[in-house]
């Protein structure tokens, strides 16, 4: 699914190889598109959160390793 604008500045939805003028779509379809956009945004946010957690975990493991070296 790709949203793009044509030369005459009308927003176009490209979905499964077909193009649709967004302004001509029904209210229900526009609501579905809005839901998809929200879902994509949420997925990106959670992916970023997972990356940060992974980095934090790696840092904590490194800190633990250094602290345990002092005990040996």
PDB file of N, CA and C in Angstrom:
ATOM      1  N   UNK A   1       0.853  -1.177   0.000  1.00  0.00           N
ATOM      2  CA  UNK A   1       0.000   0.000   0.000  1.00  0.00           C
ATOM      3  C   UNK A   1       0.889   1.226   0.000  1.00  0.00           C
ATOM      4  N   UNK A   2       0.701   2.091  -0.967  1.00  0.00           N
ATOM      5  CA  UNK A   2       1.502   3.305  -1.091  1.00  0.00           C
ATOM      6  C   UNK A   2       0.559   4.474  -1.317  1.00  0.00           C
ATOM      7  N   UNK A   3       0.733   5.525  -0.512  1.00  0.00           N
ATOM      8  CA  UNK A   3       0.020   6.763  -0.767  1.00  0.00           C
ATOM      9  C   UNK A   3       0.965   7.674  -1.529  1.00  0.00           C
ATOM     10  N   UNK A   4       0.480   8.277  -2.581  1.00  0.00           N
ATOM     11  CA  UNK A   4       1.303   9.222  -3.332  1.00  0.00           C
ATOM     12  C   UNK A   4       0.402  10.298  -3.900  1.00  0.00           C
ATOM     13  N   UNK A   5       1.028  11.341  -4.426  1.00  0.00           N
ATOM     14  CA  UNK A   5       0.265  12.419  -5.031  1.00  0.00           C
ATOM     15  C   UNK A   5       0.596  12.454  -6.515  1.00  0.00           C
ATOM     16  N   UNK A   6      -0.422  12.675  -7.319  1.00  0.00           N
ATOM     17  CA  UNK A   6      -0.210  12.789  -8.758  1.00  0.00           C
ATOM     18  C   UNK A   6       0.212  14.214  -9.074  1.00  0.00           C
ATOM     19  N   UNK A   7       0.493  14.462 -10.345  1.00  0.00           N
ATOM     20  CA  UNK A   7       0.939  15.794 -10.760  1.00  0.00           C
ATOM     21  C   UNK A   7      -0.073  16.872 -10.432  1.00  0.00           C
ATOM     22  N   UNK A   8      -1.362  16.531 -10.414  1.00  0.00           N
ATOM     23  CA  UNK A   8      -2.378  17.548 -10.122  1.00  0.00           C
ATOM     24  C   UNK A   8      -2.685  17.605  -8.623  1.00  0.00           C
ATOM     25  N   UNK A   9      -1.816  17.046  -7.806  1.00  0.00           N
ATOM     26  CA  UNK A   9      -1.862  17.145  -6.343  1.00  0.00           C
ATOM     27  C   UNK A   9      -3.042  16.422  -5.703  1.00  0.00           C
ATOM     28  N   UNK A  10      -3.648  15.481  -6.394  1.00  0.00           N
ATOM     29  CA  UNK A  10      -4.717  14.691  -5.793  1.00  0.00           C
ATOM     30  C   UNK A  10      -4.084  13.455  -5.166  1.00  0.00           C
ATOM     31  N   UNK A  11      -4.359  13.205  -3.871  1.00  0.00           N
ATOM     32  CA  UNK A  11      -3.750  12.040  -3.225  1.00  0.00           C
ATOM     33  C   UNK A  11      -4.266  10.735  -3.835  1.00  0.00           C
ATOM     34  N   UNK A  12      -3.326   9.813  -4.048  1.00  0.00           N
ATOM     35  CA  UNK A  12      -3.636   8.538  -4.684  1.00  0.00           C
ATOM     36  C   UNK A  12      -3.185   7.408  -3.771  1.00  0.00           C
ATOM     37  N   UNK A  13      -4.020   6.403  -3.647  1.00  0.00           N
ATOM     38  CA  UNK A  13      -3.678   5.181  -2.939  1.00  0.00           C
ATOM     39  C   UNK A  13      -3.346   4.122  -3.983  1.00  0.00           C
ATOM     40  N   UNK A  14      -2.156   3.530  -3.861  1.00  0.00           N
ATOM     41  CA  UNK A  14      -1.802   2.400  -4.710  1.00  0.00           C
ATOM     42  C   UNK A  14      -1.869   1.166  -3.836  1.00  0.00           C
ATOM     43  N   UNK A  15      -2.735   0.238  -4.225  1.00  0.00           N
ATOM     44  CA  UNK A  15      -2.953  -0.967  -3.427  1.00  0.00           C
ATOM     45  C   UNK A  15      -3.105  -2.150  -4.362  1.00  0.00           C
ATOM     46  N   UNK A  16      -2.241  -3.139  -4.174  1.00  0.00           N
ATOM     47  CA  UNK A  16      -2.254  -4.358  -4.982  1.00  0.00           C
ATOM     48  C   UNK A  16      -2.255  -4.054  -6.476  1.00  0.00           C
ATOM     49  N   UNK A  17      -1.389  -3.107  -6.854  1.00  0.00           N
ATOM     50  CA  UNK A  17      -1.201  -2.793  -8.260  1.00  0.00           C
ATOM     51  C   UNK A  17      -2.226  -1.858  -8.874  1.00  0.00           C
ATOM     52  N   UNK A  18      -3.199  -1.428  -8.093  1.00  0.00           N
ATOM     53  CA  UNK A  18      -4.221  -0.515  -8.622  1.00  0.00           C
ATOM     54  C   UNK A  18      -4.117   0.819  -7.908  1.00  0.00           C
ATOM     55  N   UNK A  19      -4.532   1.876  -8.608  1.00  0.00           N
ATOM     56  CA  UNK A  19      -4.504   3.218  -8.036  1.00  0.00           C
ATOM     57  C   UNK A  19      -5.924   3.719  -7.815  1.00  0.00           C
ATOM     58  N   UNK A  20      -6.108   4.384  -6.688  1.00  0.00           N
ATOM     59  CA  UNK A  20      -7.419   4.926  -6.314  1.00  0.00           C
ATOM     60  C   UNK A  20      -7.229   6.362  -5.856  1.00  0.00           C
ATOM     61  N   UNK A  21      -8.101   7.249  -6.328  1.00  0.00           N
ATOM     62  CA  UNK A  21      -8.095   8.620  -5.824  1.00  0.00           C
ATOM     63  C   UNK A  21      -8.698   8.594  -4.421  1.00  0.00           C
ATOM     64  N   UNK A  22      -7.905   9.007  -3.455  1.00  0.00           N
ATOM     65  CA  UNK A  22      -8.356   8.931  -2.065  1.00  0.00           C
ATOM     66  C   UNK A  22      -9.611   9.767  -1.837  1.00  0.00           C
ATOM     67  N   UNK A  23      -9.680  10.934  -2.461  1.00  0.00           N
ATOM     68  CA  UNK A  23     -10.847  11.802  -2.267  1.00  0.00           C
ATOM     69  C   UNK A  23     -12.147  11.165  -2.770  1.00  0.00           C
ATOM     70  N   UNK A  24     -12.032  10.204  -3.676  1.00  0.00           N
ATOM     71  CA  UNK A  24     -13.218   9.552  -4.240  1.00  0.00           C
ATOM     72  C   UNK A  24     -13.644   8.308  -3.448  1.00  0.00           C
ATOM     73  N   UNK A  25     -12.844   7.906  -2.461  1.00  0.00           N
ATOM     74  CA  UNK A  25     -13.157   6.703  -1.693  1.00  0.00           C
ATOM     75  C   UNK A  25     -14.252   6.979  -0.663  1.00  0.00           C
ATOM     76  N   UNK A  26     -14.964   5.941  -0.288  1.00  0.00           N
ATOM     77  CA  UNK A  26     -16.042   6.092   0.686  1.00  0.00           C
ATOM     78  C   UNK A  26     -15.475   6.417   2.064  1.00  0.00           C
ATOM     79  N   UNK A  27     -16.349   6.908   2.920  1.00  0.00           N
ATOM     80  CA  UNK A  27     -15.962   7.239   4.296  1.00  0.00           C
ATOM     81  C   UNK A  27     -15.434   5.989   5.005  1.00  0.00           C
ATOM     82  N   UNK A  28     -16.068   4.855   4.781  1.00  0.00           N
ATOM     83  CA  UNK A  28     -15.632   3.609   5.410  1.00  0.00           C
ATOM     84  C   UNK A  28     -14.207   3.241   4.990  1.00  0.00           C
ATOM     85  N   UNK A  29     -13.910   3.381   3.714  1.00  0.00           N
ATOM     86  CA  UNK A  29     -12.568   3.056   3.221  1.00  0.00           C
ATOM     87  C   UNK A  29     -11.549   4.037   3.808  1.00  0.00           C
ATOM     88  N   UNK A  30     -11.915   5.303   3.896  1.00  0.00           N
ATOM     89  CA  UNK A  30     -11.013   6.297   4.475  1.00  0.00           C
ATOM     90  C   UNK A  30     -10.745   5.989   5.948  1.00  0.00           C
ATOM     91  N   UNK A  31     -11.747   5.517   6.659  1.00  0.00           N
ATOM     92  CA  UNK A  31     -11.567   5.135   8.059  1.00  0.00           C
ATOM     93  C   UNK A  31     -10.619   3.938   8.178  1.00  0.00           C
ATOM     94  N   UNK A  32     -10.749   2.984   7.267  1.00  0.00           N
ATOM     95  CA  UNK A  32      -9.841   1.833   7.257  1.00  0.00           C
ATOM     96  C   UNK A  32      -8.414   2.303   7.000  1.00  0.00           C
ATOM     97  N   UNK A  33      -8.249   3.209   6.043  1.00  0.00           N
ATOM     98  CA  UNK A  33      -6.922   3.744   5.751  1.00  0.00           C
ATOM     99  C   UNK A  33      -6.334   4.459   6.961  1.00  0.00           C
ATOM    100  N   UNK A  34      -7.174   5.230   7.652  1.00  0.00           N
ATOM    101  CA  UNK A  34      -6.719   5.918   8.858  1.00  0.00           C
ATOM    102  C   UNK A  34      -6.278   4.894   9.911  1.00  0.00           C
ATOM    103  N   UNK A  35      -7.044   3.827  10.063  1.00  0.00           N
ATOM    104  CA  UNK A  35      -6.683   2.766  11.000  1.00  0.00           C
ATOM    105  C   UNK A  35      -5.357   2.106  10.637  1.00  0.00           C
ATOM    106  N   UNK A  36      -5.148   1.882   9.344  1.00  0.00           N
ATOM    107  CA  UNK A  36      -3.879   1.307   8.887  1.00  0.00           C
ATOM    108  C   UNK A  36      -2.706   2.237   9.180  1.00  0.00           C
ATOM    109  N   UNK A  37      -2.915   3.526   8.981  1.00  0.00           N
ATOM    110  CA  UNK A  37      -1.853   4.484   9.264  1.00  0.00           C
ATOM    111  C   UNK A  37      -1.514   4.491  10.752  1.00  0.00           C
ATOM    112  N   UNK A  38      -2.534   4.429  11.594  1.00  0.00           N
ATOM    113  CA  UNK A  38      -2.311   4.393  13.039  1.00  0.00           C
ATOM    114  C   UNK A  38      -1.574   3.118  13.421  1.00  0.00           C
ATOM    115  N   UNK A  39      -1.988   1.994  12.850  1.00  0.00           N
ATOM    116  CA  UNK A  39      -1.323   0.718  13.135  1.00  0.00           C
ATOM    117  C   UNK A  39       0.144   0.769  12.723  1.00  0.00           C
ATOM    118  N   UNK A  40       0.430   1.324  11.549  1.00  0.00           N
ATOM    119  CA  UNK A  40       1.811   1.434  11.088  1.00  0.00           C
ATOM    120  C   UNK A  40       2.637   2.305  12.036  1.00  0.00           C
ATOM    121  N   UNK A  41       2.059   3.409  12.475  1.00  0.00           N
ATOM    122  CA  UNK A  41       2.751   4.298  13.407  1.00  0.00           C
ATOM    123  C   UNK A  41       3.035   3.589  14.723  1.00  0.00           C
ATOM    124  N   UNK A  42       2.051   2.864  15.235  1.00  0.00           N
ATOM    125  CA  UNK A  42       2.226   2.133  16.486  1.00  0.00           C
ATOM    126  C   UNK A  42       3.285   1.042  16.345  1.00  0.00           C
ATOM    127  N   UNK A  43       3.268   0.322  15.222  1.00  0.00           N
ATOM    128  CA  UNK A  43       4.283  -0.706  14.991  1.00  0.00           C
ATOM    129  C   UNK A  43       5.687  -0.111  14.985  1.00  0.00           C
ATOM    130  N   UNK A  44       5.844   1.011  14.308  1.00  0.00           N
ATOM    131  CA  UNK A  44       7.150   1.677  14.256  1.00  0.00           C
ATOM    132  C   UNK A  44       7.585   2.095  15.651  1.00  0.00           C
ATOM    133  N   UNK A  45       6.668   2.650  16.419  1.00  0.00           N
ATOM    134  CA  UNK A  45       6.989   3.089  17.772  1.00  0.00           C
ATOM    135  C   UNK A  45       7.443   1.899  18.618  1.00  0.00           C
ATOM    136  N   UNK A  46       6.726   0.789  18.530  1.00  0.00           N
ATOM    137  CA  UNK A  46       7.069  -0.376  19.335  1.00  0.00           C
ATOM    138  C   UNK A  46       8.362  -1.034  18.848  1.00  0.00           C
ATOM    139  N   UNK A  47       8.605  -1.010  17.552  1.00  0.00           N
ATOM    140  CA  UNK A  47       9.885  -1.513  17.041  1.00  0.00           C
ATOM    141  C   UNK A  47      11.039  -0.696  17.605  1.00  0.00           C
ATOM    142  N   UNK A  48      10.871   0.632  17.640  1.00  0.00           N
ATOM    143  CA  UNK A  48      11.901   1.503  18.207  1.00  0.00           C
ATOM    144  C   UNK A  48      12.092   1.223  19.698  1.00  0.00           C
ATOM    145  N   UNK A  49      10.991   0.986  20.404  1.00  0.00           N
ATOM    146  CA  UNK A  49      11.070   0.659  21.828  1.00  0.00           C
ATOM    147  C   UNK A  49      11.833  -0.638  22.038  1.00  0.00           C
ATOM    148  N   UNK A  50      11.556  -1.643  21.212  1.00  0.00           N
ATOM    149  CA  UNK A  50      12.271  -2.915  21.312  1.00  0.00           C
ATOM    150  C   UNK A  50      13.769  -2.729  21.057  1.00  0.00           C
ATOM    151  N   UNK A  51      14.113  -1.893  20.099  1.00  0.00           N
ATOM    152  CA  UNK A  51      15.530  -1.624  19.828  1.00  0.00           C
ATOM    153  C   UNK A  51      16.196  -0.990  21.043  1.00  0.00           C
ATOM    154  N   UNK A  52      15.519  -0.015  21.662  1.00  0.00           N
ATOM    155  CA  UNK A  52      16.072   0.631  22.851  1.00  0.00           C
ATOM    156  C   UNK A  52      16.227  -0.354  24.003  1.00  0.00           C
ATOM    157  N   UNK A  53      15.243  -1.222  24.199  1.00  0.00           N
ATOM    158  CA  UNK A  53      15.332  -2.231  25.252  1.00  0.00           C
ATOM    159  C   UNK A  53      16.487  -3.189  24.996  1.00  0.00           C
ATOM    160  N   UNK A  54      16.684  -3.561  23.762  1.00  0.00           N
ATOM    161  CA  UNK A  54      17.773  -4.458  23.410  1.00  0.00           C
ATOM    162  C   UNK A  54      19.125  -3.806  23.691  1.00  0.00           C
ATOM    163  N   UNK A  55      19.257  -2.548  23.333  1.00  0.00           N
ATOM    164  CA  UNK A  55      20.489  -1.810  23.602  1.00  0.00           C
ATOM    165  C   UNK A  55      20.718  -1.709  25.112  1.00  0.00           C
ATOM    166  N   UNK A  56      19.661  -1.418  25.860  1.00  0.00           N
ATOM    167  CA  UNK A  56      19.769  -1.320  27.314  1.00  0.00           C
ATOM    168  C   UNK A  56      20.177  -2.648  27.924  1.00  0.00           C
ATOM    169  N   UNK A  57      19.588  -3.724  27.448  1.00  0.00           N
ATOM    170  CA  UNK A  57      19.921  -5.047  27.967  1.00  0.00           C
ATOM    171  C   UNK A  57      21.390  -5.366  27.702  1.00  0.00           C
ATOM    172  N   UNK A  58      21.851  -5.057  26.500  1.00  0.00           N
ATOM    173  CA  UNK A  58      23.255  -5.300  26.166  1.00  0.00           C
ATOM    174  C   UNK A  58      24.168  -4.502  27.079  1.00  0.00           C
ATOM    175  N   UNK A  59      23.810  -3.268  27.339  1.00  0.00           N
ATOM    176  CA  UNK A  59      24.600  -2.429  28.232  1.00  0.00           C
ATOM    177  C   UNK A  59      24.622  -3.008  29.649  1.00  0.00           C
ATOM    178  N   UNK A  60      23.476  -3.467  30.124  1.00  0.00           N
ATOM    179  CA  UNK A  60      23.419  -4.059  31.459  1.00  0.00           C
ATOM    180  C   UNK A  60      24.245  -5.340  31.544  1.00  0.00           C
ATOM    181  N   UNK A  61      24.215  -6.141  30.510  1.00  0.00           N
ATOM    182  CA  UNK A  61      25.036  -7.362  30.486  1.00  0.00           C
ATOM    183  C   UNK A  61      26.515  -6.988  30.534  1.00  0.00           C
ATOM    184  N   UNK A  62      26.897  -5.974  29.785  1.00  0.00           N
ATOM    185  CA  UNK A  62      28.289  -5.517  29.804  1.00  0.00           C
ATOM    186  C   UNK A  62      28.683  -5.034  31.197  1.00  0.00           C
ATOM    187  N   UNK A  63      27.794  -4.291  31.845  1.00  0.00           N
ATOM    188  CA  UNK A  63      28.072  -3.812  33.199  1.00  0.00           C
ATOM    189  C   UNK A  63      28.202  -4.979  34.178  1.00  0.00           C
ATOM    190  N   UNK A  64      27.315  -5.949  34.051  1.00  0.00           N
ATOM    191  CA  UNK A  64      27.377  -7.136  34.905  1.00  0.00           C
ATOM    192  C   UNK A  64      28.688  -7.875  34.697  1.00  0.00           C
ATOM    193  N   UNK A  65      29.070  -8.029  33.454  1.00  0.00           N
ATOM    194  CA  UNK A  65      30.335  -8.720  33.125  1.00  0.00           C
ATOM    195  C   UNK A  65      31.516  -8.023  33.799  1.00  0.00           C
ATOM    196  N   UNK A  66      31.543  -6.694  33.702  1.00  0.00           N
ATOM    197  CA  UNK A  66      32.640  -5.937  34.304  1.00  0.00           C
ATOM    198  C   UNK A  66      32.637  -6.079  35.826  1.00  0.00           C
ATOM    199  N   UNK A  67      31.484  -6.024  36.432  1.00  0.00           N
ATOM    200  CA  UNK A  67      31.394  -6.152  37.888  1.00  0.00           C
ATOM    201  C   UNK A  67      31.807  -7.545  38.359  1.00  0.00           C
ATOM    202  N   UNK A  68      31.432  -8.571  37.592  1.00  0.00           N
ATOM    203  CA  UNK A  68      31.771  -9.937  37.975  1.00  0.00           C
ATOM    204  C   UNK A  68      33.269 -10.226  37.794  1.00  0.00           C
ATOM    205  N   UNK A  69      33.901  -9.513  36.872  1.00  0.00           N
ATOM    206  CA  UNK A  69      35.357  -9.677  36.685  1.00  0.00           C
ATOM    207  C   UNK A  69      36.095  -9.260  37.956  1.00  0.00           C
ATOM    208  N   UNK A  70      35.559  -8.287  38.655  1.00  0.00           N
ATOM    209  CA  UNK A  70      36.188  -7.792  39.882  1.00  0.00           C
ATOM    210  C   UNK A  70      36.150  -8.849  40.982  1.00  0.00           C
ATOM    211  N   UNK A  71      35.174  -9.724  40.934  1.00  0.00           N
ATOM    212  CA  UNK A  71      34.996 -10.755  41.959  1.00  0.00           C
ATOM    213  C   UNK A  71      35.971 -11.906  41.741  1.00  0.00           C
ATOM    214  N   UNK A  72      36.287 -12.202  40.510  1.00  0.00           N
ATOM    215  CA  UNK A  72      37.134 -13.366  40.199  1.00  0.00           C
ATOM    216  C   UNK A  72      38.529 -13.227  40.678  1.00  0.00           C
TER     217      UNK A  72
END
